[in-house]
Amino acid sequence: MSALIELSGIDRIFYLGDSEVHALRNLELSIDAGEYVAVMGPSGSGKSTLLNLLGLLDRPNAGTYRLEGRDVTTLSPEEQAHVRSERVGFVFQSFHLVPRLTAAENIALPMTLAGIEPAQRSKRVEQALKDYGLSNRADHRPDQLSGGQRQRVAIARATIMQPAMILADEPTGNLDRATGEEVMRLLEGLNDHGVTLIVVTHDKELGARARRQLLMEDGEVRHDSACKEESNA
């Protein structure tokens, strides 16, 4: 496998009044294409900051981020937005669907923004609705859907551009256990087909499902299960 993500010397500092908060400290991390990684740790450990940085929603103060061999830290905001729309899918705890759009329109949104032809959009949305068991919910707005249905719409939207990786931030946080299990099976099924899956979670059971666990504390990776496996090899 080749490295999809390579972080080198990453620092992310936030300024609160006169104080500096080091959200990420000199982070070194490599994630191969097709991996299934859980990022864990207490609140304030840097998990969400790392996810935002990987998803090009934030920039580091120092260091280099290579995505598929390309240094994306030097790109303009417009170039980053283009990479993000084509290579990264996001799944959030609170779904982040557009309230006034139907399920079908929410799923189509990334393709609309990317300028994909309407005929192709319709075809891919129809297939996605079928794949995620949402064909009979195509014209429903988010407030007419259950939590599980909303998260399935969010996953369909995240994958409609066939991204290289999915970043999931507490994807089962607002769901009951059975619905959360269904959502995780969907995400893991995508990983089985080669999509890199990175999940931020407080849930130890959820984290244990991943093939690699990163434990973060004070902006650093304090434990990487892949290193333990390598040392035992």
C-alpha atoms as a PDB file:
ATOM      1  CA  MET A   1       0.000   0.000   0.000  1.00  0.00           C
ATOM      2  CA  SER A   2       1.104   3.546  -0.695  1.00  0.00           C
ATOM      3  CA  ALA A   3       0.829   6.441   1.744  1.00  0.00           C
ATOM      4  CA  LEU A   4      -2.336   8.449   1.206  1.00  0.00           C
ATOM      5  CA  ILE A   5      -1.596  10.891   4.040  1.00  0.00           C
ATOM      6  CA  GLU A   6       1.816  12.084   5.221  1.00  0.00           C
ATOM      7  CA  LEU A   7       2.035  14.680   7.981  1.00  0.00           C
ATOM      8  CA  SER A   8       5.445  16.051   8.902  1.00  0.00           C
ATOM      9  CA  GLY A   9       6.156  18.489  11.747  1.00  0.00           C
ATOM     10  CA  ILE A  10       2.548  19.705  11.919  1.00  0.00           C
ATOM     11  CA  ASP A  11       1.797  22.441  14.466  1.00  0.00           C
ATOM     12  CA  ARG A  12      -1.596  24.073  14.923  1.00  0.00           C
ATOM     13  CA  ILE A  13      -1.806  26.940  17.393  1.00  0.00           C
ATOM     14  CA  PHE A  14      -4.915  28.857  18.416  1.00  0.00           C
ATOM     15  CA  TYR A  15      -4.743  32.176  20.232  1.00  0.00           C
ATOM     16  CA  LEU A  16      -7.226  32.809  23.016  1.00  0.00           C
ATOM     17  CA  GLY A  17      -6.662  36.299  24.338  1.00  0.00           C
ATOM     18  CA  ASP A  18      -3.019  36.429  25.394  1.00  0.00           C
ATOM     19  CA  SER A  19      -2.586  32.669  25.629  1.00  0.00           C
ATOM     20  CA  GLU A  20      -1.451  30.148  23.019  1.00  0.00           C
ATOM     21  CA  VAL A  21      -3.214  26.801  22.725  1.00  0.00           C
ATOM     22  CA  HIS A  22      -1.180  24.123  20.949  1.00  0.00           C
ATOM     23  CA  ALA A  23      -3.922  21.995  19.407  1.00  0.00           C
ATOM     24  CA  LEU A  24      -1.344  19.920  17.473  1.00  0.00           C
ATOM     25  CA  ARG A  25       2.347  19.653  18.349  1.00  0.00           C
ATOM     26  CA  ASN A  26       5.031  18.587  15.874  1.00  0.00           C
ATOM     27  CA  LEU A  27       2.790  15.828  14.559  1.00  0.00           C
ATOM     28  CA  GLU A  28       4.303  13.065  12.414  1.00  0.00           C
ATOM     29  CA  LEU A  29       1.796  10.678  10.883  1.00  0.00           C
ATOM     30  CA  SER A  30       1.480   8.430   7.844  1.00  0.00           C
ATOM     31  CA  ILE A  31      -1.746   6.687   6.788  1.00  0.00           C
ATOM     32  CA  ASP A  32      -1.826   4.278   3.859  1.00  0.00           C
ATOM     33  CA  ALA A  33      -4.542   4.144   1.226  1.00  0.00           C
ATOM     34  CA  GLY A  34      -7.328   1.785   2.312  1.00  0.00           C
ATOM     35  CA  GLU A  35      -6.620   1.918   6.053  1.00  0.00           C
ATOM     36  CA  TYR A  36      -9.345   1.999   8.732  1.00  0.00           C
ATOM     37  CA  VAL A  37      -8.148   4.279  11.543  1.00  0.00           C
ATOM     38  CA  ALA A  38      -9.835   5.360  14.786  1.00  0.00           C
ATOM     39  CA  VAL A  39      -8.615   8.616  16.345  1.00  0.00           C
ATOM     40  CA  MET A  40      -9.340   8.595  20.076  1.00  0.00           C
ATOM     41  CA  GLY A  41      -8.552  10.635  23.164  1.00  0.00           C
ATOM     42  CA  PRO A  42     -10.127  13.013  25.680  1.00  0.00           C
ATOM     43  CA  SER A  43     -11.834  16.290  24.763  1.00  0.00           C
ATOM     44  CA  GLY A  44      -9.262  18.907  23.835  1.00  0.00           C
ATOM     45  CA  SER A  45      -6.666  16.320  22.763  1.00  0.00           C
ATOM     46  CA  GLY A  46      -6.580  17.552  19.152  1.00  0.00           C
ATOM     47  CA  LYS A  47      -8.800  14.925  17.469  1.00  0.00           C
ATOM     48  CA  SER A  48     -11.166  17.305  15.699  1.00  0.00           C
ATOM     49  CA  THR A  49      -8.336  19.708  14.836  1.00  0.00           C
ATOM     50  CA  LEU A  50      -6.516  16.815  13.156  1.00  0.00           C
ATOM     51  CA  LEU A  51      -9.668  15.832  11.251  1.00  0.00           C
ATOM     52  CA  ASN A  52     -10.256  19.410  10.063  1.00  0.00           C
ATOM     53  CA  LEU A  53      -6.654  19.627   8.913  1.00  0.00           C
ATOM     54  CA  LEU A  54      -6.834  16.295   7.057  1.00  0.00           C
ATOM     55  CA  GLY A  55     -10.029  17.487   5.384  1.00  0.00           C
ATOM     56  CA  LEU A  56      -8.451  20.794   4.326  1.00  0.00           C
ATOM     57  CA  LEU A  57     -10.913  22.759   6.441  1.00  0.00           C
ATOM     58  CA  ASP A  58      -7.982  24.202   8.394  1.00  0.00           C
ATOM     59  CA  ARG A  59      -4.323  24.992   7.794  1.00  0.00           C
ATOM     60  CA  PRO A  60      -1.356  24.200  10.046  1.00  0.00           C
ATOM     61  CA  ASN A  61       0.884  26.957  11.444  1.00  0.00           C
ATOM     62  CA  ALA A  62       3.926  24.844  10.568  1.00  0.00           C
ATOM     63  CA  GLY A  63       4.739  21.563   8.875  1.00  0.00           C
ATOM     64  CA  THR A  64       3.804  19.750   5.670  1.00  0.00           C
ATOM     65  CA  TYR A  65       0.711  17.772   4.711  1.00  0.00           C
ATOM     66  CA  ARG A  66       1.032  15.536   1.661  1.00  0.00           C
ATOM     67  CA  LEU A  67      -2.136  13.993   0.260  1.00  0.00           C
ATOM     68  CA  GLU A  68      -1.568  11.329  -2.410  1.00  0.00           C
ATOM     69  CA  GLY A  69       2.013  12.589  -2.689  1.00  0.00           C
ATOM     70  CA  ARG A  70       1.016  16.227  -3.246  1.00  0.00           C
ATOM     71  CA  ASP A  71       1.901  18.996  -0.779  1.00  0.00           C
ATOM     72  CA  VAL A  72      -1.550  20.466  -0.108  1.00  0.00           C
ATOM     73  CA  THR A  73      -0.383  22.947   2.545  1.00  0.00           C
ATOM     74  CA  THR A  74       0.924  25.278  -0.184  1.00  0.00           C
ATOM     75  CA  LEU A  75      -2.298  25.341  -2.214  1.00  0.00           C
ATOM     76  CA  SER A  76      -4.546  28.391  -2.457  1.00  0.00           C
ATOM     77  CA  PRO A  77      -7.960  28.226  -0.727  1.00  0.00           C
ATOM     78  CA  GLU A  78      -9.584  27.660  -4.137  1.00  0.00           C
ATOM     79  CA  GLU A  79      -7.189  24.800  -4.966  1.00  0.00           C
ATOM     80  CA  GLN A  80      -7.759  23.265  -1.524  1.00  0.00           C
ATOM     81  CA  ALA A  81     -11.535  23.472  -2.022  1.00  0.00           C
ATOM     82  CA  HIS A  82     -11.166  21.643  -5.345  1.00  0.00           C
ATOM     83  CA  VAL A  83      -9.083  18.839  -3.771  1.00  0.00           C
ATOM     84  CA  ARG A  84     -11.510  18.639  -0.843  1.00  0.00           C
ATOM     85  CA  SER A  85     -14.557  18.304  -3.113  1.00  0.00           C
ATOM     86  CA  GLU A  86     -12.989  15.507  -5.186  1.00  0.00           C
ATOM     87  CA  ARG A  87     -10.893  13.528  -2.695  1.00  0.00           C
ATOM     88  CA  VAL A  88     -12.489  13.948   0.768  1.00  0.00           C
ATOM     89  CA  GLY A  89     -15.902  12.929   2.114  1.00  0.00           C
ATOM     90  CA  PHE A  90     -17.163  14.160   5.497  1.00  0.00           C
ATOM     91  CA  VAL A  91     -19.634  12.518   7.871  1.00  0.00           C
ATOM     92  CA  PHE A  92     -20.522  14.516  11.000  1.00  0.00           C
ATOM     93  CA  GLN A  93     -22.306  13.708  14.257  1.00  0.00           C
ATOM     94  CA  SER A  94     -24.955  16.374  13.551  1.00  0.00           C
ATOM     95  CA  PHE A  95     -25.376  15.341   9.865  1.00  0.00           C
ATOM     96  CA  HIS A  96     -24.881  18.908   8.457  1.00  0.00           C
ATOM     97  CA  LEU A  97     -27.603  18.460   5.842  1.00  0.00           C
ATOM     98  CA  VAL A  98     -29.137  21.546   4.182  1.00  0.00           C
ATOM     99  CA  PRO A  99     -32.609  21.827   5.798  1.00  0.00           C
ATOM    100  CA  ARG A 100     -34.461  23.222   2.774  1.00  0.00           C
ATOM    101  CA  LEU A 101     -33.119  20.568   0.343  1.00  0.00           C
ATOM    102  CA  THR A 102     -34.605  17.117  -0.158  1.00  0.00           C
ATOM    103  CA  ALA A 103     -32.587  13.947   0.447  1.00  0.00           C
ATOM    104  CA  ALA A 104     -31.879  13.690  -3.291  1.00  0.00           C
ATOM    105  CA  GLU A 105     -30.819  17.350  -3.506  1.00  0.00           C
ATOM    106  CA  ASN A 106     -28.532  17.022  -0.477  1.00  0.00           C
ATOM    107  CA  ILE A 107     -26.829  13.992  -2.027  1.00  0.00           C
ATOM    108  CA  ALA A 108     -26.456  15.833  -5.348  1.00  0.00           C
ATOM    109  CA  LEU A 109     -24.963  18.958  -3.741  1.00  0.00           C
ATOM    110  CA  PRO A 110     -21.230  18.067  -4.134  1.00  0.00           C
ATOM    111  CA  MET A 111     -21.794  17.230  -7.813  1.00  0.00           C
ATOM    112  CA  THR A 112     -23.750  20.455  -8.336  1.00  0.00           C
ATOM    113  CA  LEU A 113     -20.892  22.466  -6.820  1.00  0.00           C
ATOM    114  CA  ALA A 114     -18.391  20.551  -8.984  1.00  0.00           C
ATOM    115  CA  GLY A 115     -20.331  21.409 -12.154  1.00  0.00           C
ATOM    116  CA  ILE A 116     -21.234  17.830 -13.104  1.00  0.00           C
ATOM    117  CA  GLU A 117     -23.876  17.586 -15.837  1.00  0.00           C
ATOM    118  CA  PRO A 118     -27.495  17.260 -14.593  1.00  0.00           C
ATOM    119  CA  ALA A 119     -28.098  13.963 -16.423  1.00  0.00           C
ATOM    120  CA  GLN A 120     -25.066  12.340 -14.778  1.00  0.00           C
ATOM    121  CA  ARG A 121     -26.020  13.837 -11.406  1.00  0.00           C
ATOM    122  CA  SER A 122     -29.520  12.358 -11.618  1.00  0.00           C
ATOM    123  CA  LYS A 123     -28.201   8.926 -12.548  1.00  0.00           C
ATOM    124  CA  ARG A 124     -25.668   8.830  -9.699  1.00  0.00           C
ATOM    125  CA  VAL A 125     -28.132  10.179  -7.122  1.00  0.00           C
ATOM    126  CA  GLU A 126     -30.727   7.596  -8.130  1.00  0.00           C
ATOM    127  CA  GLN A 127     -28.143   4.825  -7.664  1.00  0.00           C
ATOM    128  CA  ALA A 128     -27.010   6.249  -4.302  1.00  0.00           C
ATOM    129  CA  LEU A 129     -30.605   6.454  -3.025  1.00  0.00           C
ATOM    130  CA  LYS A 130     -31.061   2.804  -4.029  1.00  0.00           C
ATOM    131  CA  ASP A 131     -27.741   1.709  -2.471  1.00  0.00           C
ATOM    132  CA  TYR A 132     -28.596   3.334   0.868  1.00  0.00           C
ATOM    133  CA  GLY A 133     -32.231   2.235   1.015  1.00  0.00           C
ATOM    134  CA  LEU A 134     -33.524   5.774   0.563  1.00  0.00           C
ATOM    135  CA  SER A 135     -35.417   5.550  -2.762  1.00  0.00           C
ATOM    136  CA  ASN A 136     -38.755   6.132  -1.005  1.00  0.00           C
ATOM    137  CA  ARG A 137     -37.296   9.125   0.883  1.00  0.00           C
ATOM    138  CA  ALA A 138     -35.827  11.001  -2.118  1.00  0.00           C
ATOM    139  CA  ASP A 139     -38.248  13.931  -1.842  1.00  0.00           C
ATOM    140  CA  HIS A 140     -38.191  14.199   1.965  1.00  0.00           C
ATOM    141  CA  ARG A 141     -36.416  17.083   3.695  1.00  0.00           C
ATOM    142  CA  PRO A 142     -34.117  16.325   6.669  1.00  0.00           C
ATOM    143  CA  ASP A 143     -36.805  17.213   9.246  1.00  0.00           C
ATOM    144  CA  GLN A 144     -38.981  14.477   7.700  1.00  0.00           C
ATOM    145  CA  LEU A 145     -36.294  11.802   8.147  1.00  0.00           C
ATOM    146  CA  SER A 146     -35.199   9.738  11.136  1.00  0.00           C
ATOM    147  CA  GLY A 147     -31.680  10.137  12.556  1.00  0.00           C
ATOM    148  CA  GLY A 148     -30.523   6.969  10.818  1.00  0.00           C
ATOM    149  CA  GLN A 149     -31.983   8.085   7.494  1.00  0.00           C
ATOM    150  CA  ARG A 150     -30.323  11.496   7.841  1.00  0.00           C
ATOM    151  CA  GLN A 151     -26.953   9.863   8.479  1.00  0.00           C
ATOM    152  CA  ARG A 152     -27.440   7.596   5.449  1.00  0.00           C
ATOM    153  CA  VAL A 153     -28.137  10.688   3.328  1.00  0.00           C
ATOM    154  CA  ALA A 154     -24.964  12.250   4.787  1.00  0.00           C
ATOM    155  CA  ILE A 155     -22.901   9.149   3.908  1.00  0.00           C
ATOM    156  CA  ALA A 156     -24.365   9.070   0.392  1.00  0.00           C
ATOM    157  CA  ARG A 157     -23.463  12.744  -0.026  1.00  0.00           C
ATOM    158  CA  ALA A 158     -19.953  12.093   1.353  1.00  0.00           C
ATOM    159  CA  THR A 159     -19.304   9.303  -1.149  1.00  0.00           C
ATOM    160  CA  ILE A 160     -21.083  10.592  -4.268  1.00  0.00           C
ATOM    161  CA  MET A 161     -17.817  12.074  -5.638  1.00  0.00           C
ATOM    162  CA  GLN A 162     -16.009   8.749  -5.012  1.00  0.00           C
ATOM    163  CA  PRO A 163     -13.428  10.257  -2.625  1.00  0.00           C
ATOM    164  CA  ALA A 164     -10.134   8.692  -1.587  1.00  0.00           C
ATOM    165  CA  MET A 165     -11.020   9.014   2.089  1.00  0.00           C
ATOM    166  CA  ILE A 166     -13.958   9.505   4.429  1.00  0.00           C
ATOM    167  CA  LEU A 167     -13.484  11.526   7.616  1.00  0.00           C
ATOM    168  CA  ALA A 168     -16.174  10.689  10.179  1.00  0.00           C
ATOM    169  CA  ASP A 169     -16.467  12.824  13.335  1.00  0.00           C
ATOM    170  CA  GLU A 170     -18.457  10.920  16.007  1.00  0.00           C
ATOM    171  CA  PRO A 171     -20.681   9.460  13.236  1.00  0.00           C
ATOM    172  CA  THR A 172     -22.916   7.549  15.684  1.00  0.00           C
ATOM    173  CA  GLY A 173     -23.002  10.241  18.390  1.00  0.00           C
ATOM    174  CA  ASN A 174     -26.657  11.220  17.806  1.00  0.00           C
ATOM    175  CA  LEU A 175     -27.932   7.712  17.048  1.00  0.00           C
ATOM    176  CA  ASP A 176     -29.240   4.853  19.160  1.00  0.00           C
ATOM    177  CA  ARG A 177     -27.056   1.744  19.378  1.00  0.00           C
ATOM    178  CA  ALA A 178     -28.864  -0.280  16.678  1.00  0.00           C
ATOM    179  CA  THR A 179     -28.924   2.603  14.185  1.00  0.00           C
ATOM    180  CA  GLY A 180     -25.292   3.406  14.991  1.00  0.00           C
ATOM    181  CA  GLU A 181     -24.368  -0.197  14.234  1.00  0.00           C
ATOM    182  CA  GLU A 182     -26.109   0.059  10.856  1.00  0.00           C
ATOM    183  CA  VAL A 183     -24.251   3.302  10.039  1.00  0.00           C
ATOM    184  CA  MET A 184     -20.885   1.790  10.997  1.00  0.00           C
ATOM    185  CA  ARG A 185     -21.559  -1.236   8.786  1.00  0.00           C
ATOM    186  CA  LEU A 186     -22.179   1.123   5.869  1.00  0.00           C
ATOM    187  CA  LEU A 187     -18.919   3.003   6.506  1.00  0.00           C
ATOM    188  CA  GLU A 188     -16.959  -0.224   6.999  1.00  0.00           C
ATOM    189  CA  GLY A 189     -18.418  -1.602   3.775  1.00  0.00           C
ATOM    190  CA  LEU A 190     -16.989   1.403   1.939  1.00  0.00           C
ATOM    191  CA  ASN A 191     -13.629   0.736   3.580  1.00  0.00           C
ATOM    192  CA  ASP A 192     -13.839  -2.906   2.422  1.00  0.00           C
ATOM    193  CA  HIS A 193     -14.044  -1.508  -1.125  1.00  0.00           C
ATOM    194  CA  GLY A 194     -10.824   0.468  -0.701  1.00  0.00           C
ATOM    195  CA  VAL A 195     -11.941   3.843   0.691  1.00  0.00           C
ATOM    196  CA  THR A 196      -9.693   5.059   3.510  1.00  0.00           C
ATOM    197  CA  LEU A 197     -11.831   5.495   6.645  1.00  0.00           C
ATOM    198  CA  ILE A 198     -10.756   7.758   9.533  1.00  0.00           C
ATOM    199  CA  VAL A 199     -13.160   7.920  12.469  1.00  0.00           C
ATOM    200  CA  VAL A 200     -12.912  10.294  15.438  1.00  0.00           C
ATOM    201  CA  THR A 201     -14.690   8.826  18.450  1.00  0.00           C
ATOM    202  CA  HIS A 202     -14.910   8.889  22.253  1.00  0.00           C
ATOM    203  CA  ASP A 203     -16.502   5.432  22.136  1.00  0.00           C
ATOM    204  CA  LYS A 204     -13.933   2.737  22.968  1.00  0.00           C
ATOM    205  CA  GLU A 205     -16.076  -0.026  21.467  1.00  0.00           C
ATOM    206  CA  LEU A 206     -16.352   1.930  18.234  1.00  0.00           C
ATOM    207  CA  GLY A 207     -12.612   2.621  18.219  1.00  0.00           C
ATOM    208  CA  ALA A 208     -11.831  -1.051  18.742  1.00  0.00           C
ATOM    209  CA  ARG A 209     -13.565  -1.898  15.456  1.00  0.00           C
ATOM    210  CA  ALA A 210     -10.866  -0.067  13.480  1.00  0.00           C
ATOM    211  CA  ARG A 211      -7.763  -1.932  12.367  1.00  0.00           C
ATOM    212  CA  ARG A 212      -5.557   0.895  13.694  1.00  0.00           C
ATOM    213  CA  GLN A 213      -6.049   3.083  16.755  1.00  0.00           C
ATOM    214  CA  LEU A 214      -4.390   6.448  17.374  1.00  0.00           C
ATOM    215  CA  LEU A 215      -4.629   7.768  20.941  1.00  0.00           C
ATOM    216  CA  MET A 216      -4.181  11.544  21.133  1.00  0.00           C
ATOM    217  CA  GLU A 217      -3.336  13.653  24.152  1.00  0.00           C
ATOM    218  CA  ASP A 218      -2.280  17.322  24.336  1.00  0.00           C
ATOM    219  CA  GLY A 219      -2.005  17.594  20.541  1.00  0.00           C
ATOM    220  CA  GLU A 220       0.271  14.579  20.150  1.00  0.00           C
ATOM    221  CA  VAL A 221      -0.215  10.939  19.160  1.00  0.00           C
ATOM    222  CA  ARG A 222       0.678   9.168  22.397  1.00  0.00           C
ATOM    223  CA  HIS A 223      -0.063   5.682  21.122  1.00  0.00           C
ATOM    224  CA  ASP A 224      -0.303   4.205  17.624  1.00  0.00           C
ATOM    225  CA  SER A 225      -1.377   0.546  17.491  1.00  0.00           C
ATOM    226  CA  ALA A 226       0.380   0.187  14.118  1.00  0.00           C
ATOM    227  CA  CYS A 227       3.749   0.867  15.777  1.00  0.00           C
ATOM    228  CA  LYS A 228       3.076  -1.868  18.329  1.00  0.00           C
ATOM    229  CA  GLU A 229       2.213  -4.306  15.564  1.00  0.00           C
ATOM    230  CA  GLU A 230       5.378  -3.375  13.667  1.00  0.00           C
ATOM    231  CA  SER A 231       7.538  -3.906  16.756  1.00  0.00           C
ATOM    232  CA  ASN A 232       5.953  -7.341  17.274  1.00  0.00           C
ATOM    233  CA  ALA A 233       6.515  -8.330  13.657  1.00  0.00           C
END
